[in-house]
Amino acid sequence: MSTASASHLQNATEQLGLARDHLTVGVADAVNSGVDAARELKAQASEGVETLLDQGKDLLDDATEMMRSRPWATAGVALAAGFLVAKVLGRN
């Protein structure tokens, strides 16, 4: 093999090594970006779930308070709802 061919081969090998290094860094950056995005989405989802849970607890507290302050109205609504459910289920 001539000296020029050996030099070209060495140069090509070095270029391939540099390309491999750049590709490795690019893949690592992409993976890290994906992990960061997943963490951010998880945090946002957790916040959303917490907000929904808080709203549900508030609604339940409001309903409980209304039932305590108006027991007869609550009983009437429950009776009417039971009657409607029985009618709907009885027709099927």
Protein backbone atom coordinates (compact mmCIF):
# COMPACT_ATOMS: atom_id res chain seq x y z
CA MET A 1 0.00 0.00 0.00
CA SER A 2 1.38 3.40 -0.92
CA THR A 3 2.01 6.15 1.58
CA ALA A 4 -0.71 8.31 0.00
CA SER A 5 -3.28 5.49 0.31
CA ALA A 6 -2.32 4.88 3.91
CA SER A 7 -2.63 8.60 4.64
CA HIS A 8 -6.10 8.73 3.02
CA LEU A 9 -7.15 5.66 4.96
CA GLN A 10 -5.92 7.18 8.23
CA ASN A 11 -7.73 10.45 7.44
CA ALA A 12 -10.96 8.59 6.63
CA THR A 13 -10.68 6.62 9.88
CA GLU A 14 -10.25 9.84 11.86
CA GLN A 15 -13.22 11.45 10.10
CA LEU A 16 -15.38 8.41 10.86
CA GLY A 17 -14.34 8.61 14.51
CA LEU A 18 -15.30 12.29 14.66
CA ALA A 19 -18.63 11.59 12.96
CA ARG A 20 -19.31 8.79 15.47
CA ASP A 21 -18.51 11.14 18.37
CA HIS A 22 -20.83 13.85 17.00
CA LEU A 23 -23.60 11.32 16.47
CA THR A 24 -23.19 9.98 20.01
CA VAL A 25 -23.42 13.48 21.46
CA GLY A 26 -26.48 14.25 19.31
CA VAL A 27 -28.26 11.10 20.41
CA ALA A 28 -27.43 11.77 24.06
CA ASP A 29 -28.77 15.33 23.75
CA ALA A 30 -31.98 14.06 22.15
CA VAL A 31 -32.47 11.47 24.89
CA ASN A 32 -31.84 14.06 27.60
CA SER A 33 -34.32 16.44 25.98
CA GLY A 34 -36.91 13.68 25.86
CA VAL A 35 -36.37 12.84 29.52
CA ASP A 36 -36.66 16.51 30.48
CA ALA A 37 -39.88 16.87 28.49
CA ALA A 38 -41.32 13.74 30.12
CA ARG A 39 -40.49 15.08 33.59
CA GLU A 40 -42.16 18.39 32.79
CA LEU A 41 -45.29 16.65 31.50
CA LYS A 42 -45.41 14.48 34.61
CA ALA A 43 -45.18 17.57 36.83
CA GLN A 44 -47.97 19.29 34.88
CA ALA A 45 -50.14 16.18 35.06
CA SER A 46 -49.56 15.93 38.81
CA GLU A 47 -50.60 19.56 39.24
CA GLY A 48 -53.73 18.95 37.18
CA VAL A 49 -54.66 15.89 39.23
CA GLU A 50 -54.13 17.83 42.46
CA THR A 51 -56.36 20.63 41.19
CA LEU A 52 -59.10 18.18 40.22
CA LEU A 53 -58.88 16.42 43.58
CA ASP A 54 -59.13 19.74 45.41
CA GLN A 55 -62.16 20.74 43.34
CA GLY A 56 -63.79 17.37 44.01
CA LYS A 57 -63.21 17.72 47.75
CA ASP A 58 -64.65 21.23 47.70
CA LEU A 59 -67.73 20.01 45.82
CA LEU A 60 -68.20 17.15 48.27
CA ASP A 61 -67.84 19.54 51.21
CA ASP A 62 -70.43 21.88 49.67
CA ALA A 63 -72.85 18.99 49.08
CA THR A 64 -72.35 17.73 52.64
CA GLU A 65 -73.01 21.20 54.02
CA MET A 66 -76.16 21.55 51.92
CA MET A 67 -77.41 18.15 53.11
CA ARG A 68 -76.88 19.17 56.73
CA SER A 69 -78.56 22.54 56.31
CA ARG A 70 -81.57 21.17 54.35
CA PRO A 71 -82.19 17.56 55.34
CA TRP A 72 -85.82 17.48 54.10
CA ALA A 73 -84.90 18.85 50.68
CA THR A 74 -82.06 16.33 50.46
CA ALA A 75 -84.43 13.47 51.29
CA GLY A 76 -86.92 14.73 48.69
CA VAL A 77 -84.26 14.94 45.98
CA ALA A 78 -82.98 11.45 46.87
CA LEU A 79 -86.52 10.06 46.75
CA ALA A 80 -87.21 11.67 43.36
CA ALA A 81 -83.89 10.46 41.95
CA GLY A 82 -84.58 6.92 43.18
CA PHE A 83 -88.06 7.02 41.62
CA LEU A 84 -86.65 8.16 38.26
CA VAL A 85 -83.93 5.51 38.27
CA ALA A 86 -86.49 2.82 39.10
CA LYS A 87 -88.73 4.00 36.23
CA VAL A 88 -85.88 4.04 33.73
CA LEU A 89 -84.57 0.62 34.77
CA GLY A 90 -88.09 -0.81 34.93
CA ARG A 91 -88.76 -0.01 31.26
CA ASN A 92 -85.72 -1.91 30.00
